[in-house]
Amino acid sequence: MFRDQVGILAGWFKDWNECEQTGALLSLLKLVTRTQADFLQLCLEHSLVDCSDIHLLESEANSAAIISQWQQESKEKVVSLLLTHLPLRQPGNTEAKSEYLRLLQKALAYSIESNAFIEESRQLLSYTLIHPATTLEDRNALALWLSHLGERLASGFHSRPEPSYHSRQGSEEWGAPAELGPGEAGPGWQDKPPRENGHVPFHPSSSVPPAINSIGSNTNRSPLPNPP
């Protein structure tokens, strides 16, 4: 019976994307005892001893200087870099965190305005919301972005194609996505997220679902700049 249940769970797990798998594992880890957690930590550390690639990736993920250079990359490359590096950032590294949040805010603004990288943006938000380095204030700002990304998918905007990608294009050279409707210009990296007419109005933190506020810890106080 137990083996069958594990097999069913493993089947579901294989069908999820990496972000969904991470969220599911974190939910299960919250149910384990301290002894179980210590044992799992020992197993994970032992399995990663000889993984030089992950150590290099973790070093890059916590370098504010490296992260700041990503703004010179194409938008497609930036989204990919964020997905592979953001989960590896260490709590307490406020400089790297500030760079991530600054870049994430620009990526979300572009995604919602231009209907590009919607699913990837949802994954980035999910990683950020469950990350132990994310504060309550950060979550209050980010939760509404997640809601608006869901609205974009539900409203049918996801049927539009994403912008074409050219390897030599930098972050300032992104073109608008094809087939935009009237009045829906596709911006590049914005310094500010869209306003009310850009589909992403900001609401007070009281409107954030309580479940979002309870995710992770609330130790560092480096809030995300709120949309205007």
C-alpha atoms as a PDB file:
ATOM      1  CA  MET A   1       0.000   0.000   0.000  1.00  0.00           C
ATOM      2  CA  PHE A   2       2.756   2.444   0.978  1.00  0.00           C
ATOM      3  CA  ARG A   3       4.797   1.554  -2.113  1.00  0.00           C
ATOM      4  CA  ASP A   4       1.769   2.186  -4.326  1.00  0.00           C
ATOM      5  CA  GLN A   5       1.160   5.566  -2.694  1.00  0.00           C
ATOM      6  CA  VAL A   6       4.804   6.550  -3.184  1.00  0.00           C
ATOM      7  CA  GLY A   7       4.574   5.464  -6.820  1.00  0.00           C
ATOM      8  CA  ILE A   8       1.516   7.651  -7.375  1.00  0.00           C
ATOM      9  CA  LEU A   9       3.234  10.621  -5.754  1.00  0.00           C
ATOM     10  CA  ALA A  10       6.366  10.036  -7.833  1.00  0.00           C
ATOM     11  CA  GLY A  11       4.258   9.984 -10.987  1.00  0.00           C
ATOM     12  CA  TRP A  12       2.719  13.332 -10.125  1.00  0.00           C
ATOM     13  CA  PHE A  13       6.148  14.712  -9.263  1.00  0.00           C
ATOM     14  CA  LYS A  14       7.538  13.830 -12.699  1.00  0.00           C
ATOM     15  CA  ASP A  15       4.696  15.695 -14.392  1.00  0.00           C
ATOM     16  CA  TRP A  16       5.383  18.953 -12.510  1.00  0.00           C
ATOM     17  CA  ASN A  17       7.880  21.574 -13.618  1.00  0.00           C
ATOM     18  CA  GLU A  18      10.947  22.250 -11.472  1.00  0.00           C
ATOM     19  CA  CYS A  19       9.335  25.155  -9.645  1.00  0.00           C
ATOM     20  CA  GLU A  20       6.237  23.103  -8.802  1.00  0.00           C
ATOM     21  CA  GLN A  21       8.450  20.254  -7.613  1.00  0.00           C
ATOM     22  CA  THR A  22      10.353  22.636  -5.350  1.00  0.00           C
ATOM     23  CA  GLY A  23       7.151  24.028  -3.870  1.00  0.00           C
ATOM     24  CA  ALA A  24       5.769  20.541  -3.231  1.00  0.00           C
ATOM     25  CA  LEU A  25       8.992  19.423  -1.541  1.00  0.00           C
ATOM     26  CA  LEU A  26       9.022  22.508   0.650  1.00  0.00           C
ATOM     27  CA  SER A  27       5.427  21.833   1.713  1.00  0.00           C
ATOM     28  CA  LEU A  28       6.375  18.270   2.681  1.00  0.00           C
ATOM     29  CA  LEU A  29       9.497  19.422   4.536  1.00  0.00           C
ATOM     30  CA  LYS A  30       7.361  21.647   6.737  1.00  0.00           C
ATOM     31  CA  LEU A  31       5.693  18.468   8.030  1.00  0.00           C
ATOM     32  CA  VAL A  32       8.850  16.587   9.067  1.00  0.00           C
ATOM     33  CA  THR A  33      10.318  16.368  12.569  1.00  0.00           C
ATOM     34  CA  ARG A  34      13.655  17.915  13.495  1.00  0.00           C
ATOM     35  CA  THR A  35      15.303  14.490  13.405  1.00  0.00           C
ATOM     36  CA  GLN A  36      13.930  13.822   9.937  1.00  0.00           C
ATOM     37  CA  ALA A  37      15.100  17.257   8.794  1.00  0.00           C
ATOM     38  CA  ASP A  38      18.632  16.645  10.107  1.00  0.00           C
ATOM     39  CA  PHE A  39      18.763  13.271   8.366  1.00  0.00           C
ATOM     40  CA  LEU A  40      17.568  14.734   5.070  1.00  0.00           C
ATOM     41  CA  GLN A  41      20.100  17.562   5.355  1.00  0.00           C
ATOM     42  CA  LEU A  42      22.877  15.006   5.896  1.00  0.00           C
ATOM     43  CA  CYS A  43      21.774  13.033   2.828  1.00  0.00           C
ATOM     44  CA  LEU A  44      21.567  16.145   0.650  1.00  0.00           C
ATOM     45  CA  GLU A  45      24.948  17.494   1.745  1.00  0.00           C
ATOM     46  CA  HIS A  46      26.552  14.104   1.086  1.00  0.00           C
ATOM     47  CA  SER A  47      25.045  13.903  -2.406  1.00  0.00           C
ATOM     48  CA  LEU A  48      26.274  17.408  -3.302  1.00  0.00           C
ATOM     49  CA  VAL A  49      29.880  17.068  -2.114  1.00  0.00           C
ATOM     50  CA  ASP A  50      31.272  16.326  -5.573  1.00  0.00           C
ATOM     51  CA  CYS A  51      28.859  18.535  -7.527  1.00  0.00           C
ATOM     52  CA  SER A  52      31.241  21.288  -8.621  1.00  0.00           C
ATOM     53  CA  ASP A  53      28.702  22.713 -11.048  1.00  0.00           C
ATOM     54  CA  ILE A  54      26.178  23.546  -8.343  1.00  0.00           C
ATOM     55  CA  HIS A  55      28.881  25.158  -6.203  1.00  0.00           C
ATOM     56  CA  LEU A  56      29.888  27.412  -9.103  1.00  0.00           C
ATOM     57  CA  LEU A  57      26.254  28.261  -9.778  1.00  0.00           C
ATOM     58  CA  GLU A  58      25.715  29.108  -6.109  1.00  0.00           C
ATOM     59  CA  SER A  59      28.737  31.394  -6.132  1.00  0.00           C
ATOM     60  CA  GLU A  60      27.386  33.269  -9.155  1.00  0.00           C
ATOM     61  CA  ALA A  61      23.908  33.412  -7.603  1.00  0.00           C
ATOM     62  CA  ASN A  62      25.245  35.303  -4.602  1.00  0.00           C
ATOM     63  CA  SER A  63      27.454  37.810  -6.410  1.00  0.00           C
ATOM     64  CA  ALA A  64      25.753  41.199  -6.682  1.00  0.00           C
ATOM     65  CA  ALA A  65      28.357  42.260  -9.265  1.00  0.00           C
ATOM     66  CA  ILE A  66      27.537  39.328 -11.549  1.00  0.00           C
ATOM     67  CA  ILE A  67      23.779  39.752 -11.166  1.00  0.00           C
ATOM     68  CA  SER A  68      23.973  43.456 -12.017  1.00  0.00           C
ATOM     69  CA  GLN A  69      25.690  42.555 -15.315  1.00  0.00           C
ATOM     70  CA  TRP A  70      22.697  40.498 -16.416  1.00  0.00           C
ATOM     71  CA  GLN A  71      20.839  43.659 -17.402  1.00  0.00           C
ATOM     72  CA  GLN A  72      23.091  43.765 -20.460  1.00  0.00           C
ATOM     73  CA  GLU A  73      21.804  40.378 -21.610  1.00  0.00           C
ATOM     74  CA  SER A  74      18.776  39.669 -23.773  1.00  0.00           C
ATOM     75  CA  LYS A  75      15.472  39.353 -21.953  1.00  0.00           C
ATOM     76  CA  GLU A  76      15.228  35.655 -22.741  1.00  0.00           C
ATOM     77  CA  LYS A  77      18.683  35.092 -21.255  1.00  0.00           C
ATOM     78  CA  VAL A  78      17.825  37.177 -18.183  1.00  0.00           C
ATOM     79  CA  VAL A  79      14.712  35.130 -17.456  1.00  0.00           C
ATOM     80  CA  SER A  80      16.704  31.909 -17.817  1.00  0.00           C
ATOM     81  CA  LEU A  81      19.465  33.183 -15.517  1.00  0.00           C
ATOM     82  CA  LEU A  82      16.955  34.229 -12.880  1.00  0.00           C
ATOM     83  CA  LEU A  83      15.255  30.827 -12.908  1.00  0.00           C
ATOM     84  CA  THR A  84      18.525  28.939 -12.445  1.00  0.00           C
ATOM     85  CA  HIS A  85      20.166  31.291  -9.936  1.00  0.00           C
ATOM     86  CA  LEU A  86      17.437  32.878  -7.808  1.00  0.00           C
ATOM     87  CA  PRO A  87      16.648  29.695  -5.813  1.00  0.00           C
ATOM     88  CA  LEU A  88      20.327  29.484  -4.792  1.00  0.00           C
ATOM     89  CA  ARG A  89      20.685  32.928  -3.227  1.00  0.00           C
ATOM     90  CA  GLN A  90      21.615  32.948   0.444  1.00  0.00           C
ATOM     91  CA  PRO A  91      19.600  34.734   3.151  1.00  0.00           C
ATOM     92  CA  GLY A  92      21.497  37.682   4.573  1.00  0.00           C
ATOM     93  CA  ASN A  93      23.097  38.666   1.267  1.00  0.00           C
ATOM     94  CA  THR A  94      21.276  42.000   1.013  1.00  0.00           C
ATOM     95  CA  GLU A  95      23.292  43.309  -1.954  1.00  0.00           C
ATOM     96  CA  ALA A  96      22.498  40.286  -4.119  1.00  0.00           C
ATOM     97  CA  LYS A  97      18.888  40.367  -2.968  1.00  0.00           C
ATOM     98  CA  SER A  98      18.499  43.995  -4.015  1.00  0.00           C
ATOM     99  CA  GLU A  99      19.852  43.189  -7.484  1.00  0.00           C
ATOM    100  CA  TYR A 100      17.466  40.246  -7.833  1.00  0.00           C
ATOM    101  CA  LEU A 101      14.430  42.256  -6.778  1.00  0.00           C
ATOM    102  CA  ARG A 102      15.346  45.160  -9.050  1.00  0.00           C
ATOM    103  CA  LEU A 103      15.730  42.840 -12.037  1.00  0.00           C
ATOM    104  CA  LEU A 104      12.645  40.822 -11.116  1.00  0.00           C
ATOM    105  CA  GLN A 105      10.517  43.956 -10.945  1.00  0.00           C
ATOM    106  CA  LYS A 106      11.575  44.978 -14.440  1.00  0.00           C
ATOM    107  CA  ALA A 107      11.001  41.476 -15.790  1.00  0.00           C
ATOM    108  CA  LEU A 108       7.499  41.326 -14.313  1.00  0.00           C
ATOM    109  CA  ALA A 109       6.580  44.728 -15.693  1.00  0.00           C
ATOM    110  CA  TYR A 110       7.714  43.698 -19.172  1.00  0.00           C
ATOM    111  CA  SER A 111       6.002  40.310 -18.918  1.00  0.00           C
ATOM    112  CA  ILE A 112       2.608  41.747 -18.028  1.00  0.00           C
ATOM    113  CA  GLU A 113       2.782  44.662 -20.463  1.00  0.00           C
ATOM    114  CA  SER A 114       4.021  42.574 -23.388  1.00  0.00           C
ATOM    115  CA  ASN A 115       2.478  39.179 -22.582  1.00  0.00           C
ATOM    116  CA  ALA A 116       5.890  37.505 -22.789  1.00  0.00           C
ATOM    117  CA  PHE A 117       7.409  34.929 -20.427  1.00  0.00           C
ATOM    118  CA  ILE A 118       4.183  34.710 -18.398  1.00  0.00           C
ATOM    119  CA  GLU A 119       4.741  31.168 -17.098  1.00  0.00           C
ATOM    120  CA  GLU A 120       8.414  31.852 -16.377  1.00  0.00           C
ATOM    121  CA  SER A 121       7.436  34.998 -14.472  1.00  0.00           C
ATOM    122  CA  ARG A 122       4.969  33.025 -12.376  1.00  0.00           C
ATOM    123  CA  GLN A 123       7.722  30.570 -11.509  1.00  0.00           C
ATOM    124  CA  LEU A 124      10.091  33.392 -10.568  1.00  0.00           C
ATOM    125  CA  LEU A 125       7.440  34.881  -8.299  1.00  0.00           C
ATOM    126  CA  SER A 126       6.768  31.504  -6.690  1.00  0.00           C
ATOM    127  CA  TYR A 127      10.474  30.982  -5.978  1.00  0.00           C
ATOM    128  CA  THR A 128      10.736  34.469  -4.494  1.00  0.00           C
ATOM    129  CA  LEU A 129       7.617  34.152  -2.347  1.00  0.00           C
ATOM    130  CA  ILE A 130       8.766  30.907  -0.695  1.00  0.00           C
ATOM    131  CA  HIS A 131      12.417  31.936  -0.343  1.00  0.00           C
ATOM    132  CA  PRO A 132      13.513  32.402   3.299  1.00  0.00           C
ATOM    133  CA  ALA A 133      15.274  35.659   2.382  1.00  0.00           C
ATOM    134  CA  THR A 134      11.977  37.266   1.316  1.00  0.00           C
ATOM    135  CA  THR A 135      10.421  39.527   3.939  1.00  0.00           C
ATOM    136  CA  LEU A 136       6.775  40.127   4.692  1.00  0.00           C
ATOM    137  CA  GLU A 137       6.910  43.510   2.962  1.00  0.00           C
ATOM    138  CA  ASP A 138       8.418  41.871  -0.109  1.00  0.00           C
ATOM    139  CA  ARG A 139       5.591  39.347  -0.205  1.00  0.00           C
ATOM    140  CA  ASN A 140       2.944  42.023   0.133  1.00  0.00           C
ATOM    141  CA  ALA A 141       4.287  43.667  -3.019  1.00  0.00           C
ATOM    142  CA  LEU A 142       4.943  40.451  -4.928  1.00  0.00           C
ATOM    143  CA  ALA A 143       1.648  38.701  -4.203  1.00  0.00           C
ATOM    144  CA  LEU A 144      -0.285  41.171  -6.328  1.00  0.00           C
ATOM    145  CA  TRP A 145       2.074  40.665  -9.263  1.00  0.00           C
ATOM    146  CA  LEU A 146       1.308  36.939  -9.030  1.00  0.00           C
ATOM    147  CA  SER A 147      -2.406  37.671  -9.067  1.00  0.00           C
ATOM    148  CA  HIS A 148      -2.122  39.840 -12.172  1.00  0.00           C
ATOM    149  CA  LEU A 149      -0.043  37.250 -14.005  1.00  0.00           C
ATOM    150  CA  GLY A 150      -2.832  34.754 -13.316  1.00  0.00           C
ATOM    151  CA  GLU A 151      -5.361  37.225 -14.662  1.00  0.00           C
ATOM    152  CA  ARG A 152      -3.359  37.599 -17.878  1.00  0.00           C
ATOM    153  CA  LEU A 153      -3.513  33.850 -18.467  1.00  0.00           C
ATOM    154  CA  ALA A 154      -7.172  33.562 -17.497  1.00  0.00           C
ATOM    155  CA  SER A 155      -8.203  36.445 -19.762  1.00  0.00           C
ATOM    156  CA  GLY A 156      -6.804  34.748 -22.847  1.00  0.00           C
ATOM    157  CA  PHE A 157      -3.804  37.015 -23.465  1.00  0.00           C
ATOM    158  CA  HIS A 158      -1.565  33.934 -23.382  1.00  0.00           C
ATOM    159  CA  SER A 159      -2.568  33.085 -26.935  1.00  0.00           C
ATOM    160  CA  ARG A 160      -0.358  35.820 -28.321  1.00  0.00           C
ATOM    161  CA  PRO A 161       3.155  34.877 -29.430  1.00  0.00           C
ATOM    162  CA  GLU A 162       6.198  35.960 -27.480  1.00  0.00           C
ATOM    163  CA  PRO A 163       8.683  38.429 -29.024  1.00  0.00           C
ATOM    164  CA  SER A 164      11.277  37.054 -31.384  1.00  0.00           C
ATOM    165  CA  TYR A 165      14.716  36.622 -29.876  1.00  0.00           C
ATOM    166  CA  HIS A 166      18.046  37.538 -31.454  1.00  0.00           C
ATOM    167  CA  SER A 167      21.173  36.419 -29.647  1.00  0.00           C
ATOM    168  CA  ARG A 168      22.972  39.722 -30.162  1.00  0.00           C
ATOM    169  CA  GLN A 169      20.189  41.832 -28.736  1.00  0.00           C
ATOM    170  CA  GLY A 170      20.830  43.404 -25.355  1.00  0.00           C
ATOM    171  CA  SER A 171      18.259  44.104 -22.682  1.00  0.00           C
ATOM    172  CA  GLU A 172      17.680  47.609 -24.035  1.00  0.00           C
ATOM    173  CA  GLU A 173      17.070  46.308 -27.559  1.00  0.00           C
ATOM    174  CA  TRP A 174      14.094  44.064 -26.964  1.00  0.00           C
ATOM    175  CA  GLY A 175      11.363  44.616 -29.473  1.00  0.00           C
ATOM    176  CA  ALA A 176       7.656  44.620 -28.700  1.00  0.00           C
ATOM    177  CA  PRO A 177       5.824  41.304 -29.075  1.00  0.00           C
ATOM    178  CA  ALA A 178       4.035  40.677 -32.323  1.00  0.00           C
ATOM    179  CA  GLU A 179       0.331  41.293 -32.841  1.00  0.00           C
ATOM    180  CA  LEU A 180      -0.205  43.670 -29.963  1.00  0.00           C
ATOM    181  CA  GLY A 181      -3.624  45.223 -29.757  1.00  0.00           C
ATOM    182  CA  PRO A 182      -4.305  48.964 -30.066  1.00  0.00           C
ATOM    183  CA  GLY A 183      -2.598  51.006 -27.408  1.00  0.00           C
ATOM    184  CA  GLU A 184      -0.606  48.052 -26.051  1.00  0.00           C
ATOM    185  CA  ALA A 185       2.977  49.046 -26.762  1.00  0.00           C
ATOM    186  CA  GLY A 186       5.557  46.540 -25.606  1.00  0.00           C
ATOM    187  CA  PRO A 187       8.284  48.251 -23.565  1.00  0.00           C
ATOM    188  CA  GLY A 188      11.798  47.066 -22.858  1.00  0.00           C
ATOM    189  CA  TRP A 189      13.205  46.946 -19.323  1.00  0.00           C
ATOM    190  CA  GLN A 190      11.290  49.590 -17.439  1.00  0.00           C
ATOM    191  CA  ASP A 191      12.560  51.467 -14.445  1.00  0.00           C
ATOM    192  CA  LYS A 192       9.027  51.408 -13.073  1.00  0.00           C
ATOM    193  CA  PRO A 193       6.288  48.800 -13.342  1.00  0.00           C
ATOM    194  CA  PRO A 194       3.083  49.637 -15.240  1.00  0.00           C
ATOM    195  CA  ARG A 195       0.412  51.857 -13.718  1.00  0.00           C
ATOM    196  CA  GLU A 196      -3.334  51.370 -13.663  1.00  0.00           C
ATOM    197  CA  ASN A 197      -3.656  51.534 -17.440  1.00  0.00           C
ATOM    198  CA  GLY A 198      -0.787  49.027 -17.710  1.00  0.00           C
ATOM    199  CA  HIS A 199      -2.843  46.269 -16.063  1.00  0.00           C
ATOM    200  CA  VAL A 200      -0.851  46.151 -12.812  1.00  0.00           C
ATOM    201  CA  PRO A 201      -2.341  48.497 -10.219  1.00  0.00           C
ATOM    202  CA  PHE A 202      -0.826  48.181  -6.774  1.00  0.00           C
ATOM    203  CA  HIS A 203      -3.089  47.458  -3.838  1.00  0.00           C
ATOM    204  CA  PRO A 204      -2.479  47.833  -0.114  1.00  0.00           C
ATOM    205  CA  SER A 205      -0.876  44.959   1.713  1.00  0.00           C
ATOM    206  CA  SER A 206      -4.169  44.226   3.475  1.00  0.00           C
ATOM    207  CA  SER A 207      -5.454  42.715   0.229  1.00  0.00           C
ATOM    208  CA  VAL A 208      -2.735  40.051   0.158  1.00  0.00           C
ATOM    209  CA  PRO A 209      -4.053  36.583   1.027  1.00  0.00           C
ATOM    210  CA  PRO A 210      -2.974  35.500   4.542  1.00  0.00           C
ATOM    211  CA  ALA A 211      -1.517  32.267   3.168  1.00  0.00           C
ATOM    212  CA  ILE A 212       1.044  34.236   1.163  1.00  0.00           C
ATOM    213  CA  ASN A 213       2.153  36.182   4.240  1.00  0.00           C
ATOM    214  CA  SER A 214       2.812  33.008   6.209  1.00  0.00           C
ATOM    215  CA  ILE A 215       5.295  31.509   3.731  1.00  0.00           C
ATOM    216  CA  GLY A 216       8.909  31.286   4.911  1.00  0.00           C
ATOM    217  CA  SER A 217      10.556  33.484   7.523  1.00  0.00           C
ATOM    218  CA  ASN A 218      10.682  37.227   8.142  1.00  0.00           C
ATOM    219  CA  THR A 219      14.194  37.970   9.283  1.00  0.00           C
ATOM    220  CA  ASN A 220      15.703  40.356   6.738  1.00  0.00           C
ATOM    221  CA  ARG A 221      14.253  43.797   6.201  1.00  0.00           C
ATOM    222  CA  SER A 222      15.082  44.865   2.664  1.00  0.00           C
ATOM    223  CA  PRO A 223      11.710  45.572   1.062  1.00  0.00           C
ATOM    224  CA  LEU A 224      10.965  45.412  -2.612  1.00  0.00           C
ATOM    225  CA  PRO A 225      10.304  48.822  -4.183  1.00  0.00           C
ATOM    226  CA  ASN A 226       6.538  49.049  -4.540  1.00  0.00           C
ATOM    227  CA  PRO A 227       4.962  49.837  -7.900  1.00  0.00           C
ATOM    228  CA  PRO A 228       3.808  53.466  -8.035  1.00  0.00           C
END
